[in-house]
Amino acid sequence: MARLLVVDDERDIRHLYAAELSDEGYKVETAGTGSEAAALLEGQAFDLVVLDIQMKGESGLQVLQKIVKERSDLPVVLCTAFSCYKDDFSSWLADAYVVKSSDLTELKGEIRRLLEKKESSLRRP
């Protein structure tokens, strides 16, 4: 069972994503800030991170840079209400970029795609 970390400062979004992604068969942990995410990433193994960009305190792009620096093998899906960050070079460090929607089909598809890609790269000799 893949372990996901959802990082978003909106509690309702964290709860929605945790419920929906748990229904998909993932084990989901959540964090409301970048520092909470860092603490969880330091103490536990995750297979993928879903990360909001605009958060109180440390932005998602700052958190993304730390994740890439410390855990370059950990796929990150940026999930934001704004499409304008696609042009920000910092966002290009992420493995996928999804604009928030009430329909989570795209987010679930990107998560599935990245986990399959990660698993197939581990099987290569």
PDB file of N, CA and C in Angstrom:
ATOM      1  N   MET A   1       0.853  -1.185   0.000  1.00  0.00           N
ATOM      2  CA  MET A   1       0.000   0.000   0.000  1.00  0.00           C
ATOM      3  C   MET A   1       0.897   1.246   0.000  1.00  0.00           C
ATOM      4  N   ALA A   2       0.732   2.074  -0.998  1.00  0.00           N
ATOM      5  CA  ALA A   2       1.538   3.295  -1.110  1.00  0.00           C
ATOM      6  C   ALA A   2       1.148   4.294  -0.020  1.00  0.00           C
ATOM      7  N   ARG A   3       2.159   4.988   0.479  1.00  0.00           N
ATOM      8  CA  ARG A   3       1.932   5.990   1.525  1.00  0.00           C
ATOM      9  C   ARG A   3       2.075   7.378   0.913  1.00  0.00           C
ATOM     10  N   LEU A   4       1.046   8.196   1.108  1.00  0.00           N
ATOM     11  CA  LEU A   4       1.024   9.551   0.555  1.00  0.00           C
ATOM     12  C   LEU A   4       1.016  10.570   1.681  1.00  0.00           C
ATOM     13  N   LEU A   5       1.654  11.702   1.425  1.00  0.00           N
ATOM     14  CA  LEU A   5       1.593  12.842   2.339  1.00  0.00           C
ATOM     15  C   LEU A   5       0.907  13.987   1.605  1.00  0.00           C
ATOM     16  N   VAL A   6      -0.203  14.454   2.161  1.00  0.00           N
ATOM     17  CA  VAL A   6      -0.939  15.591   1.608  1.00  0.00           C
ATOM     18  C   VAL A   6      -0.619  16.817   2.463  1.00  0.00           C
ATOM     19  N   VAL A   7      -0.078  17.858   1.819  1.00  0.00           N
ATOM     20  CA  VAL A   7       0.299  19.074   2.526  1.00  0.00           C
ATOM     21  C   VAL A   7      -0.545  20.221   1.989  1.00  0.00           C
ATOM     22  N   ASP A   8      -1.417  20.738   2.836  1.00  0.00           N
ATOM     23  CA  ASP A   8      -2.305  21.834   2.440  1.00  0.00           C
ATOM     24  C   ASP A   8      -2.737  22.549   3.716  1.00  0.00           C
ATOM     25  N   ASP A   9      -2.761  23.882   3.669  1.00  0.00           N
ATOM     26  CA  ASP A   9      -3.128  24.614   4.878  1.00  0.00           C
ATOM     27  C   ASP A   9      -4.639  24.681   5.089  1.00  0.00           C
ATOM     28  N   GLU A  10      -5.417  24.231   4.118  1.00  0.00           N
ATOM     29  CA  GLU A  10      -6.877  24.211   4.261  1.00  0.00           C
ATOM     30  C   GLU A  10      -7.308  22.841   4.806  1.00  0.00           C
ATOM     31  N   ARG A  11      -7.830  22.864   6.022  1.00  0.00           N
ATOM     32  CA  ARG A  11      -8.219  21.626   6.692  1.00  0.00           C
ATOM     33  C   ARG A  11      -9.231  20.818   5.883  1.00  0.00           C
ATOM     34  N   ASP A  12     -10.221  21.500   5.299  1.00  0.00           N
ATOM     35  CA  ASP A  12     -11.242  20.783   4.534  1.00  0.00           C
ATOM     36  C   ASP A  12     -10.640  20.070   3.323  1.00  0.00           C
ATOM     37  N   ILE A  13      -9.668  20.713   2.685  1.00  0.00           N
ATOM     38  CA  ILE A  13      -9.003  20.072   1.539  1.00  0.00           C
ATOM     39  C   ILE A  13      -8.228  18.847   2.020  1.00  0.00           C
ATOM     40  N   ARG A  14      -7.517  18.979   3.141  1.00  0.00           N
ATOM     41  CA  ARG A  14      -6.771  17.825   3.666  1.00  0.00           C
ATOM     42  C   ARG A  14      -7.716  16.662   3.947  1.00  0.00           C
ATOM     43  N   HIS A  15      -8.840  16.956   4.563  1.00  0.00           N
ATOM     44  CA  HIS A  15      -9.800  15.892   4.892  1.00  0.00           C
ATOM     45  C   HIS A  15     -10.386  15.268   3.628  1.00  0.00           C
ATOM     46  N   LEU A  16     -10.743  16.107   2.658  1.00  0.00           N
ATOM     47  CA  LEU A  16     -11.303  15.589   1.405  1.00  0.00           C
ATOM     48  C   LEU A  16     -10.297  14.691   0.695  1.00  0.00           C
ATOM     49  N   TYR A  17      -9.067  15.181   0.537  1.00  0.00           N
ATOM     50  CA  TYR A  17      -8.047  14.399  -0.164  1.00  0.00           C
ATOM     51  C   TYR A  17      -7.735  13.113   0.601  1.00  0.00           C
ATOM     52  N   ALA A  18      -7.641  13.203   1.917  1.00  0.00           N
ATOM     53  CA  ALA A  18      -7.349  12.009   2.710  1.00  0.00           C
ATOM     54  C   ALA A  18      -8.455  10.969   2.527  1.00  0.00           C
ATOM     55  N   ALA A  19      -9.706  11.394   2.559  1.00  0.00           N
ATOM     56  CA  ALA A  19     -10.822  10.451   2.390  1.00  0.00           C
ATOM     57  C   ALA A  19     -10.832   9.846   0.991  1.00  0.00           C
ATOM     58  N   GLU A  20     -10.701  10.705  -0.020  1.00  0.00           N
ATOM     59  CA  GLU A  20     -10.758  10.221  -1.408  1.00  0.00           C
ATOM     60  C   GLU A  20      -9.574   9.308  -1.738  1.00  0.00           C
ATOM     61  N   LEU A  21      -8.396   9.696  -1.291  1.00  0.00           N
ATOM     62  CA  LEU A  21      -7.213   8.897  -1.619  1.00  0.00           C
ATOM     63  C   LEU A  21      -7.164   7.613  -0.795  1.00  0.00           C
ATOM     64  N   SER A  22      -7.695   7.638   0.412  1.00  0.00           N
ATOM     65  CA  SER A  22      -7.811   6.410   1.204  1.00  0.00           C
ATOM     66  C   SER A  22      -8.763   5.435   0.521  1.00  0.00           C
ATOM     67  N   ASP A  23      -9.842   5.965  -0.041  1.00  0.00           N
ATOM     68  CA  ASP A  23     -10.783   5.118  -0.789  1.00  0.00           C
ATOM     69  C   ASP A  23     -10.118   4.477  -2.000  1.00  0.00           C
ATOM     70  N   GLU A  24      -9.070   5.131  -2.525  1.00  0.00           N
ATOM     71  CA  GLU A  24      -8.329   4.583  -3.671  1.00  0.00           C
ATOM     72  C   GLU A  24      -7.326   3.507  -3.244  1.00  0.00           C
ATOM     73  N   GLY A  25      -7.194   3.329  -1.919  1.00  0.00           N
ATOM     74  CA  GLY A  25      -6.308   2.285  -1.418  1.00  0.00           C
ATOM     75  C   GLY A  25      -4.973   2.766  -0.902  1.00  0.00           C
ATOM     76  N   TYR A  26      -4.803   4.063  -0.782  1.00  0.00           N
ATOM     77  CA  TYR A  26      -3.537   4.604  -0.276  1.00  0.00           C
ATOM     78  C   TYR A  26      -3.625   4.846   1.231  1.00  0.00           C
ATOM     79  N   LYS A  27      -2.481   4.766   1.887  1.00  0.00           N
ATOM     80  CA  LYS A  27      -2.395   5.190   3.283  1.00  0.00           C
ATOM     81  C   LYS A  27      -1.997   6.657   3.239  1.00  0.00           C
ATOM     82  N   VAL A  28      -2.797   7.520   3.849  1.00  0.00           N
ATOM     83  CA  VAL A  28      -2.618   8.966   3.707  1.00  0.00           C
ATOM     84  C   VAL A  28      -2.376   9.621   5.054  1.00  0.00           C
ATOM     85  N   GLU A  29      -1.310  10.420   5.107  1.00  0.00           N
ATOM     86  CA  GLU A  29      -1.033  11.301   6.246  1.00  0.00           C
ATOM     87  C   GLU A  29      -1.200  12.728   5.740  1.00  0.00           C
ATOM     88  N   THR A  30      -1.498  13.650   6.648  1.00  0.00           N
ATOM     89  CA  THR A  30      -1.669  15.036   6.221  1.00  0.00           C
ATOM     90  C   THR A  30      -0.838  15.968   7.094  1.00  0.00           C
ATOM     91  N   ALA A  31      -0.518  17.125   6.506  1.00  0.00           N
ATOM     92  CA  ALA A  31       0.196  18.188   7.212  1.00  0.00           C
ATOM     93  C   ALA A  31      -0.395  19.523   6.771  1.00  0.00           C
ATOM     94  N   GLY A  32      -0.466  20.462   7.722  1.00  0.00           N
ATOM     95  CA  GLY A  32      -1.047  21.774   7.417  1.00  0.00           C
ATOM     96  C   GLY A  32      -0.026  22.860   7.128  1.00  0.00           C
ATOM     97  N   THR A  33       1.253  22.551   7.377  1.00  0.00           N
ATOM     98  CA  THR A  33       2.320  23.526   7.133  1.00  0.00           C
ATOM     99  C   THR A  33       3.559  22.812   6.587  1.00  0.00           C
ATOM    100  N   GLY A  34       4.478  23.619   6.092  1.00  0.00           N
ATOM    101  CA  GLY A  34       5.731  23.062   5.605  1.00  0.00           C
ATOM    102  C   GLY A  34       6.534  22.417   6.713  1.00  0.00           C
ATOM    103  N   SER A  35       6.522  23.015   7.898  1.00  0.00           N
ATOM    104  CA  SER A  35       7.298  22.438   9.004  1.00  0.00           C
ATOM    105  C   SER A  35       6.693  21.118   9.472  1.00  0.00           C
ATOM    106  N   GLU A  36       5.363  21.018   9.476  1.00  0.00           N
ATOM    107  CA  GLU A  36       4.729  19.739   9.818  1.00  0.00           C
ATOM    108  C   GLU A  36       5.109  18.676   8.786  1.00  0.00           C
ATOM    109  N   ALA A  37       5.117  19.076   7.527  1.00  0.00           N
ATOM    110  CA  ALA A  37       5.491  18.141   6.462  1.00  0.00           C
ATOM    111  C   ALA A  37       6.933  17.683   6.637  1.00  0.00           C
ATOM    112  N   ALA A  38       7.827  18.620   6.943  1.00  0.00           N
ATOM    113  CA  ALA A  38       9.246  18.271   7.121  1.00  0.00           C
ATOM    114  C   ALA A  38       9.413  17.271   8.259  1.00  0.00           C
ATOM    115  N   ALA A  39       8.694  17.475   9.346  1.00  0.00           N
ATOM    116  CA  ALA A  39       8.791  16.560  10.481  1.00  0.00           C
ATOM    117  C   ALA A  39       8.305  15.163  10.099  1.00  0.00           C
ATOM    118  N   LEU A  40       7.206  15.091   9.362  1.00  0.00           N
ATOM    119  CA  LEU A  40       6.695  13.785   8.940  1.00  0.00           C
ATOM    120  C   LEU A  40       7.648  13.111   7.956  1.00  0.00           C
ATOM    121  N   LEU A  41       8.203  13.899   7.031  1.00  0.00           N
ATOM    122  CA  LEU A  41       9.116  13.327   6.038  1.00  0.00           C
ATOM    123  C   LEU A  41      10.407  12.827   6.683  1.00  0.00           C
ATOM    124  N   GLU A  42      10.804  13.461   7.757  1.00  0.00           N
ATOM    125  CA  GLU A  42      12.028  13.059   8.428  1.00  0.00           C
ATOM    126  C   GLU A  42      11.851  11.745   9.186  1.00  0.00           C
ATOM    127  N   GLY A  43      10.657  11.529   9.715  1.00  0.00           N
ATOM    128  CA  GLY A  43      10.453  10.358  10.554  1.00  0.00           C
ATOM    129  C   GLY A  43       9.775   9.180   9.895  1.00  0.00           C
ATOM    130  N   GLN A  44       9.236   9.355   8.688  1.00  0.00           N
ATOM    131  CA  GLN A  44       8.471   8.284   8.061  1.00  0.00           C
ATOM    132  C   GLN A  44       8.808   8.182   6.581  1.00  0.00           C
ATOM    133  N   ALA A  45       8.551   7.010   6.025  1.00  0.00           N
ATOM    134  CA  ALA A  45       8.778   6.787   4.598  1.00  0.00           C
ATOM    135  C   ALA A  45       7.478   7.029   3.834  1.00  0.00           C
ATOM    136  N   PHE A  46       7.539   7.878   2.827  1.00  0.00           N
ATOM    137  CA  PHE A  46       6.393   8.133   1.961  1.00  0.00           C
ATOM    138  C   PHE A  46       6.765   7.799   0.526  1.00  0.00           C
ATOM    139  N   ASP A  47       5.738   7.499  -0.268  1.00  0.00           N
ATOM    140  CA  ASP A  47       5.956   7.179  -1.674  1.00  0.00           C
ATOM    141  C   ASP A  47       5.692   8.371  -2.578  1.00  0.00           C
ATOM    142  N   LEU A  48       4.936   9.363  -2.089  1.00  0.00           N
ATOM    143  CA  LEU A  48       4.575  10.512  -2.919  1.00  0.00           C
ATOM    144  C   LEU A  48       4.021  11.616  -2.025  1.00  0.00           C
ATOM    145  N   VAL A  49       4.216  12.867  -2.459  1.00  0.00           N
ATOM    146  CA  VAL A  49       3.691  14.028  -1.732  1.00  0.00           C
ATOM    147  C   VAL A  49       2.767  14.823  -2.648  1.00  0.00           C
ATOM    148  N   VAL A  50       1.607  15.180  -2.132  1.00  0.00           N
ATOM    149  CA  VAL A  50       0.696  16.113  -2.797  1.00  0.00           C
ATOM    150  C   VAL A  50       0.843  17.426  -2.036  1.00  0.00           C
ATOM    151  N   LEU A  51       1.254  18.488  -2.748  1.00  0.00           N
ATOM    152  CA  LEU A  51       1.671  19.712  -2.083  1.00  0.00           C
ATOM    153  C   LEU A  51       0.953  20.942  -2.640  1.00  0.00           C
ATOM    154  N   ASP A  52       0.314  21.675  -1.756  1.00  0.00           N
ATOM    155  CA  ASP A  52      -0.302  22.956  -2.132  1.00  0.00           C
ATOM    156  C   ASP A  52       0.803  23.995  -2.300  1.00  0.00           C
ATOM    157  N   ILE A  53       0.569  25.025  -3.081  1.00  0.00           N
ATOM    158  CA  ILE A  53       1.584  26.066  -3.264  1.00  0.00           C
ATOM    159  C   ILE A  53       1.371  27.210  -2.284  1.00  0.00           C
ATOM    160  N   GLN A  54       0.175  27.765  -2.282  1.00  0.00           N
ATOM    161  CA  GLN A  54      -0.064  28.922  -1.417  1.00  0.00           C
ATOM    162  C   GLN A  54      -0.506  28.444  -0.037  1.00  0.00           C
ATOM    163  N   MET A  55       0.431  28.544   0.911  1.00  0.00           N
ATOM    164  CA  MET A  55       0.137  28.161   2.286  1.00  0.00           C
ATOM    165  C   MET A  55       0.621  29.278   3.195  1.00  0.00           C
ATOM    166  N   LYS A  56       0.040  29.330   4.367  1.00  0.00           N
ATOM    167  CA  LYS A  56       0.494  30.295   5.356  1.00  0.00           C
ATOM    168  C   LYS A  56       1.919  29.922   5.772  1.00  0.00           C
ATOM    169  N   GLY A  57       2.751  30.934   5.990  1.00  0.00           N
ATOM    170  CA  GLY A  57       4.144  30.657   6.348  1.00  0.00           C
ATOM    171  C   GLY A  57       4.926  30.257   5.123  1.00  0.00           C
ATOM    172  N   GLU A  58       5.601  29.145   5.220  1.00  0.00           N
ATOM    173  CA  GLU A  58       6.429  28.650   4.131  1.00  0.00           C
ATOM    174  C   GLU A  58       5.554  28.238   2.945  1.00  0.00           C
ATOM    175  N   SER A  59       5.909  28.713   1.744  1.00  0.00           N
ATOM    176  CA  SER A  59       5.108  28.368   0.571  1.00  0.00           C
ATOM    177  C   SER A  59       5.399  26.939   0.125  1.00  0.00           C
ATOM    178  N   GLY A  60       4.502  26.415  -0.670  1.00  0.00           N
ATOM    179  CA  GLY A  60       4.698  25.078  -1.202  1.00  0.00           C
ATOM    180  C   GLY A  60       5.929  24.984  -2.092  1.00  0.00           C
ATOM    181  N   LEU A  61       6.243  26.071  -2.798  1.00  0.00           N
ATOM    182  CA  LEU A  61       7.432  26.051  -3.656  1.00  0.00           C
ATOM    183  C   LEU A  61       8.707  25.974  -2.818  1.00  0.00           C
ATOM    184  N   GLN A  62       8.708  26.626  -1.657  1.00  0.00           N
ATOM    185  CA  GLN A  62       9.863  26.512  -0.752  1.00  0.00           C
ATOM    186  C   GLN A  62       9.968  25.092  -0.193  1.00  0.00           C
ATOM    187  N   VAL A  63       8.834  24.524   0.158  1.00  0.00           N
ATOM    188  CA  VAL A  63       8.818  23.140   0.664  1.00  0.00           C
ATOM    189  C   VAL A  63       9.291  22.191  -0.435  1.00  0.00           C
ATOM    190  N   LEU A  64       8.838  22.432  -1.656  1.00  0.00           N
ATOM    191  CA  LEU A  64       9.247  21.598  -2.796  1.00  0.00           C
ATOM    192  C   LEU A  64      10.766  21.606  -2.955  1.00  0.00           C
ATOM    193  N   GLN A  65      11.379  22.777  -2.877  1.00  0.00           N
ATOM    194  CA  GLN A  65      12.839  22.860  -3.028  1.00  0.00           C
ATOM    195  C   GLN A  65      13.552  22.028  -1.957  1.00  0.00           C
ATOM    196  N   LYS A  66      13.048  22.055  -0.736  1.00  0.00           N
ATOM    197  CA  LYS A  66      13.661  21.256   0.331  1.00  0.00           C
ATOM    198  C   LYS A  66      13.493  19.764   0.068  1.00  0.00           C
ATOM    199  N   ILE A  67      12.316  19.378  -0.396  1.00  0.00           N
ATOM    200  CA  ILE A  67      12.070  17.960  -0.674  1.00  0.00           C
ATOM    201  C   ILE A  67      13.011  17.476  -1.771  1.00  0.00           C
ATOM    202  N   VAL A  68      13.124  18.259  -2.832  1.00  0.00           N
ATOM    203  CA  VAL A  68      13.989  17.860  -3.956  1.00  0.00           C
ATOM    204  C   VAL A  68      15.442  17.765  -3.497  1.00  0.00           C
ATOM    205  N   LYS A  69      15.859  18.678  -2.638  1.00  0.00           N
ATOM    206  CA  LYS A  69      17.245  18.678  -2.148  1.00  0.00           C
ATOM    207  C   LYS A  69      17.531  17.467  -1.256  1.00  0.00           C
ATOM    208  N   GLU A  70      16.573  17.125  -0.407  1.00  0.00           N
ATOM    209  CA  GLU A  70      16.802  16.058   0.566  1.00  0.00           C
ATOM    210  C   GLU A  70      16.290  14.693   0.134  1.00  0.00           C
ATOM    211  N   ARG A  71      15.268  14.679  -0.708  1.00  0.00           N
ATOM    212  CA  ARG A  71      14.651  13.399  -1.132  1.00  0.00           C
ATOM    213  C   ARG A  71      14.325  13.453  -2.620  1.00  0.00           C
ATOM    214  N   SER A  72      15.332  13.505  -3.450  1.00  0.00           N
ATOM    215  CA  SER A  72      15.115  13.673  -4.892  1.00  0.00           C
ATOM    216  C   SER A  72      14.343  12.511  -5.511  1.00  0.00           C
ATOM    217  N   ASP A  73      14.281  11.378  -4.819  1.00  0.00           N
ATOM    218  CA  ASP A  73      13.561  10.210  -5.342  1.00  0.00           C
ATOM    219  C   ASP A  73      12.070  10.225  -5.005  1.00  0.00           C
ATOM    220  N   LEU A  74      11.636  11.224  -4.256  1.00  0.00           N
ATOM    221  CA  LEU A  74      10.242  11.285  -3.805  1.00  0.00           C
ATOM    222  C   LEU A  74       9.412  12.131  -4.771  1.00  0.00           C
ATOM    223  N   PRO A  75       8.470  11.513  -5.481  1.00  0.00           N
ATOM    224  CA  PRO A  75       7.642  12.277  -6.416  1.00  0.00           C
ATOM    225  C   PRO A  75       6.753  13.290  -5.681  1.00  0.00           C
ATOM    226  N   VAL A  76       6.596  14.459  -6.305  1.00  0.00           N
ATOM    227  CA  VAL A  76       5.764  15.516  -5.736  1.00  0.00           C
ATOM    228  C   VAL A  76       4.765  15.996  -6.786  1.00  0.00           C
ATOM    229  N   VAL A  77       3.503  16.057  -6.382  1.00  0.00           N
ATOM    230  CA  VAL A  77       2.449  16.621  -7.219  1.00  0.00           C
ATOM    231  C   VAL A  77       2.067  17.963  -6.613  1.00  0.00           C
ATOM    232  N   LEU A  78       2.297  19.038  -7.357  1.00  0.00           N
ATOM    233  CA  LEU A  78       1.813  20.335  -6.909  1.00  0.00           C
ATOM    234  C   LEU A  78       0.332  20.403  -7.215  1.00  0.00           C
ATOM    235  N   CYS A  79      -0.449  20.793  -6.238  1.00  0.00           N
ATOM    236  CA  CYS A  79      -1.897  20.864  -6.409  1.00  0.00           C
ATOM    237  C   CYS A  79      -2.345  22.222  -5.881  1.00  0.00           C
ATOM    238  N   THR A  80      -2.717  23.104  -6.779  1.00  0.00           N
ATOM    239  CA  THR A  80      -3.005  24.476  -6.412  1.00  0.00           C
ATOM    240  C   THR A  80      -4.251  24.987  -7.129  1.00  0.00           C
ATOM    241  N   ALA A  81      -4.825  26.020  -6.575  1.00  0.00           N
ATOM    242  CA  ALA A  81      -5.994  26.631  -7.203  1.00  0.00           C
ATOM    243  C   ALA A  81      -5.596  27.554  -8.349  1.00  0.00           C
ATOM    244  N   PHE A  82      -4.308  27.787  -8.531  1.00  0.00           N
ATOM    245  CA  PHE A  82      -3.832  28.763  -9.502  1.00  0.00           C
ATOM    246  C   PHE A  82      -2.998  28.095 -10.601  1.00  0.00           C
ATOM    247  N   SER A  83      -3.346  28.377 -11.844  1.00  0.00           N
ATOM    248  CA  SER A  83      -2.556  27.840 -12.958  1.00  0.00           C
ATOM    249  C   SER A  83      -1.336  28.707 -13.249  1.00  0.00           C
ATOM    250  N   CYS A  84      -1.292  29.926 -12.696  1.00  0.00           N
ATOM    251  CA  CYS A  84      -0.210  30.875 -13.022  1.00  0.00           C
ATOM    252  C   CYS A  84       1.161  30.390 -12.554  1.00  0.00           C
ATOM    253  N   TYR A  85       1.226  29.499 -11.577  1.00  0.00           N
ATOM    254  CA  TYR A  85       2.525  29.029 -11.085  1.00  0.00           C
ATOM    255  C   TYR A  85       3.199  28.053 -12.053  1.00  0.00           C
ATOM    256  N   LYS A  86       2.475  27.626 -13.085  1.00  0.00           N
ATOM    257  CA  LYS A  86       3.098  26.731 -14.069  1.00  0.00           C
ATOM    258  C   LYS A  86       4.289  27.393 -14.739  1.00  0.00           C
ATOM    259  N   ASP A  87       4.273  28.719 -14.830  1.00  0.00           N
ATOM    260  CA  ASP A  87       5.364  29.458 -15.460  1.00  0.00           C
ATOM    261  C   ASP A  87       6.502  29.760 -14.497  1.00  0.00           C
ATOM    262  N   ASP A  88       6.336  29.475 -13.230  1.00  0.00           N
ATOM    263  CA  ASP A  88       7.381  29.712 -12.236  1.00  0.00           C
ATOM    264  C   ASP A  88       8.392  28.564 -12.317  1.00  0.00           C
ATOM    265  N   PHE A  89       9.649  28.906 -12.548  1.00  0.00           N
ATOM    266  CA  PHE A  89      10.681  27.875 -12.684  1.00  0.00           C
ATOM    267  C   PHE A  89      10.707  26.925 -11.492  1.00  0.00           C
ATOM    268  N   SER A  90      10.427  27.420 -10.304  1.00  0.00           N
ATOM    269  CA  SER A  90      10.458  26.569  -9.116  1.00  0.00           C
ATOM    270  C   SER A  90       9.441  25.435  -9.210  1.00  0.00           C
ATOM    271  N   SER A  91       8.324  25.691  -9.856  1.00  0.00           N
ATOM    272  CA  SER A  91       7.293  24.657  -9.952  1.00  0.00           C
ATOM    273  C   SER A  91       7.729  23.516 -10.870  1.00  0.00           C
ATOM    274  N   TRP A  92       8.700  23.780 -11.721  1.00  0.00           N
ATOM    275  CA  TRP A  92       9.152  22.751 -12.663  1.00  0.00           C
ATOM    276  C   TRP A  92       9.917  21.636 -11.958  1.00  0.00           C
ATOM    277  N   LEU A  93      10.271  21.844 -10.704  1.00  0.00           N
ATOM    278  CA  LEU A  93      10.931  20.791  -9.934  1.00  0.00           C
ATOM    279  C   LEU A  93       9.966  19.657  -9.581  1.00  0.00           C
ATOM    280  N   ALA A  94       8.681  19.968  -9.601  1.00  0.00           N
ATOM    281  CA  ALA A  94       7.674  18.952  -9.256  1.00  0.00           C
ATOM    282  C   ALA A  94       7.513  17.950 -10.401  1.00  0.00           C
ATOM    283  N   ASP A  95       7.010  16.796 -10.082  1.00  0.00           N
ATOM    284  CA  ASP A  95       6.783  15.758 -11.083  1.00  0.00           C
ATOM    285  C   ASP A  95       5.460  15.940 -11.816  1.00  0.00           C
ATOM    286  N   ALA A  96       4.549  16.671 -11.206  1.00  0.00           N
ATOM    287  CA  ALA A  96       3.253  16.939 -11.842  1.00  0.00           C
ATOM    288  C   ALA A  96       2.659  18.209 -11.236  1.00  0.00           C
ATOM    289  N   TYR A  97       1.785  18.832 -12.009  1.00  0.00           N
ATOM    290  CA  TYR A  97       1.137  20.079 -11.600  1.00  0.00           C
ATOM    291  C   TYR A  97      -0.347  19.923 -11.908  1.00  0.00           C
ATOM    292  N   VAL A  98      -1.165  20.029 -10.885  1.00  0.00           N
ATOM    293  CA  VAL A  98      -2.606  19.847 -11.051  1.00  0.00           C
ATOM    294  C   VAL A  98      -3.315  21.063 -10.470  1.00  0.00           C
ATOM    295  N   VAL A  99      -4.265  21.609 -11.222  1.00  0.00           N
ATOM    296  CA  VAL A  99      -5.086  22.706 -10.712  1.00  0.00           C
ATOM    297  C   VAL A  99      -6.241  22.091  -9.925  1.00  0.00           C
ATOM    298  N   LYS A 100      -6.429  22.599  -8.702  1.00  0.00           N
ATOM    299  CA  LYS A 100      -7.474  22.062  -7.830  1.00  0.00           C
ATOM    300  C   LYS A 100      -8.835  22.123  -8.500  1.00  0.00           C
ATOM    301  N   SER A 101      -9.604  21.083  -8.247  1.00  0.00           N
ATOM    302  CA  SER A 101     -10.941  20.979  -8.801  1.00  0.00           C
ATOM    303  C   SER A 101     -11.765  20.106  -7.866  1.00  0.00           C
ATOM    304  N   SER A 102     -13.074  20.259  -7.937  1.00  0.00           N
ATOM    305  CA  SER A 102     -13.928  19.370  -7.151  1.00  0.00           C
ATOM    306  C   SER A 102     -13.899  17.954  -7.721  1.00  0.00           C
ATOM    307  N   ASP A 103     -13.503  17.833  -8.961  1.00  0.00           N
ATOM    308  CA  ASP A 103     -13.327  16.532  -9.614  1.00  0.00           C
ATOM    309  C   ASP A 103     -11.857  16.127  -9.434  1.00  0.00           C
ATOM    310  N   LEU A 104     -11.607  15.094  -8.667  1.00  0.00           N
ATOM    311  CA  LEU A 104     -10.236  14.703  -8.354  1.00  0.00           C
ATOM    312  C   LEU A 104      -9.651  13.694  -9.349  1.00  0.00           C
ATOM    313  N   THR A 105     -10.310  13.528 -10.482  1.00  0.00           N
ATOM    314  CA  THR A 105      -9.854  12.546 -11.472  1.00  0.00           C
ATOM    315  C   THR A 105      -8.420  12.811 -11.925  1.00  0.00           C
ATOM    316  N   GLU A 106      -8.097  14.072 -12.246  1.00  0.00           N
ATOM    317  CA  GLU A 106      -6.752  14.386 -12.726  1.00  0.00           C
ATOM    318  C   GLU A 106      -5.711  14.138 -11.629  1.00  0.00           C
ATOM    319  N   LEU A 107      -6.013  14.562 -10.409  1.00  0.00           N
ATOM    320  CA  LEU A 107      -5.082  14.355  -9.304  1.00  0.00           C
ATOM    321  C   LEU A 107      -4.841  12.860  -9.082  1.00  0.00           C
ATOM    322  N   LYS A 108      -5.902  12.085  -9.046  1.00  0.00           N
ATOM    323  CA  LYS A 108      -5.761  10.645  -8.843  1.00  0.00           C
ATOM    324  C   LYS A 108      -4.974  10.002  -9.986  1.00  0.00           C
ATOM    325  N   GLY A 109      -5.208  10.474 -11.199  1.00  0.00           N
ATOM    326  CA  GLY A 109      -4.491   9.937 -12.357  1.00  0.00           C
ATOM    327  C   GLY A 109      -3.003  10.228 -12.284  1.00  0.00           C
ATOM    328  N   GLU A 110      -2.642  11.440 -11.894  1.00  0.00           N
ATOM    329  CA  GLU A 110      -1.218  11.793 -11.775  1.00  0.00           C
ATOM    330  C   GLU A 110      -0.553  10.989 -10.663  1.00  0.00           C
ATOM    331  N   ILE A 111      -1.247  10.811  -9.551  1.00  0.00           N
ATOM    332  CA  ILE A 111      -0.699  10.016  -8.450  1.00  0.00           C
ATOM    333  C   ILE A 111      -0.447   8.584  -8.927  1.00  0.00           C
ATOM    334  N   ARG A 112      -1.420   8.000  -9.577  1.00  0.00           N
ATOM    335  CA  ARG A 112      -1.291   6.622 -10.076  1.00  0.00           C
ATOM    336  C   ARG A 112      -0.135   6.521 -11.086  1.00  0.00           C
ATOM    337  N   ARG A 113      -0.055   7.489 -12.001  1.00  0.00           N
ATOM    338  CA  ARG A 113       0.992   7.479 -13.029  1.00  0.00           C
ATOM    339  C   ARG A 113       2.386   7.560 -12.388  1.00  0.00           C
ATOM    340  N   LEU A 114       2.550   8.460 -11.441  1.00  0.00           N
ATOM    341  CA  LEU A 114       3.862   8.643 -10.818  1.00  0.00           C
ATOM    342  C   LEU A 114       4.256   7.442  -9.960  1.00  0.00           C
ATOM    343  N   LEU A 115       3.293   6.843  -9.276  1.00  0.00           N
ATOM    344  CA  LEU A 115       3.612   5.661  -8.477  1.00  0.00           C
ATOM    345  C   LEU A 115       3.979   4.476  -9.370  1.00  0.00           C
ATOM    346  N   GLU A 116       3.292   4.332 -10.499  1.00  0.00           N
ATOM    347  CA  GLU A 116       3.634   3.261 -11.441  1.00  0.00           C
ATOM    348  C   GLU A 116       5.022   3.487 -12.031  1.00  0.00           C
ATOM    349  N   LYS A 117       5.333   4.746 -12.345  1.00  0.00           N
ATOM    350  CA  LYS A 117       6.653   5.097 -12.892  1.00  0.00           C
ATOM    351  C   LYS A 117       7.741   4.787 -11.865  1.00  0.00           C
ATOM    352  N   LYS A 118       7.496   5.135 -10.610  1.00  0.00           N
ATOM    353  CA  LYS A 118       8.471   4.887  -9.546  1.00  0.00           C
ATOM    354  C   LYS A 118       8.683   3.391  -9.365  1.00  0.00           C
ATOM    355  N   GLU A 119       7.588   2.633  -9.369  1.00  0.00           N
ATOM    356  CA  GLU A 119       7.683   1.194  -9.179  1.00  0.00           C
ATOM    357  C   GLU A 119       8.421   0.536 -10.334  1.00  0.00           C
ATOM    358  N   SER A 120       8.149   0.973 -11.560  1.00  0.00           N
ATOM    359  CA  SER A 120       8.830   0.357 -12.712  1.00  0.00           C
ATOM    360  C   SER A 120      10.315   0.712 -12.718  1.00  0.00           C
ATOM    361  N   SER A 121      10.684   1.884 -12.237  1.00  0.00           N
ATOM    362  CA  SER A 121      12.112   2.241 -12.195  1.00  0.00           C
ATOM    363  C   SER A 121      12.845   1.415 -11.142  1.00  0.00           C
ATOM    364  N   LEU A 122      12.136   0.987 -10.104  1.00  0.00           N
ATOM    365  CA  LEU A 122      12.757   0.162  -9.071  1.00  0.00           C
ATOM    366  C   LEU A 122      12.984  -1.270  -9.559  1.00  0.00           C
ATOM    367  N   ARG A 123      12.173  -1.713 -10.537  1.00  0.00           N
ATOM    368  CA  ARG A 123      12.280  -3.074 -11.057  1.00  0.00           C
ATOM    369  C   ARG A 123      13.388  -3.225 -12.098  1.00  0.00           C
ATOM    370  N   ARG A 124      13.848  -2.102 -12.666  1.00  0.00           N
ATOM    371  CA  ARG A 124      14.900  -2.171 -13.694  1.00  0.00           C
ATOM    372  C   ARG A 124      16.208  -2.663 -13.081  1.00  0.00           C
ATOM    373  N   PRO A 125      16.912  -3.528 -13.833  1.00  0.00           N
ATOM    374  CA  PRO A 125      18.199  -4.028 -13.307  1.00  0.00           C
ATOM    375  C   PRO A 125      19.269  -2.962 -13.291  1.00  0.00           C
TER     376      PRO A 125
END
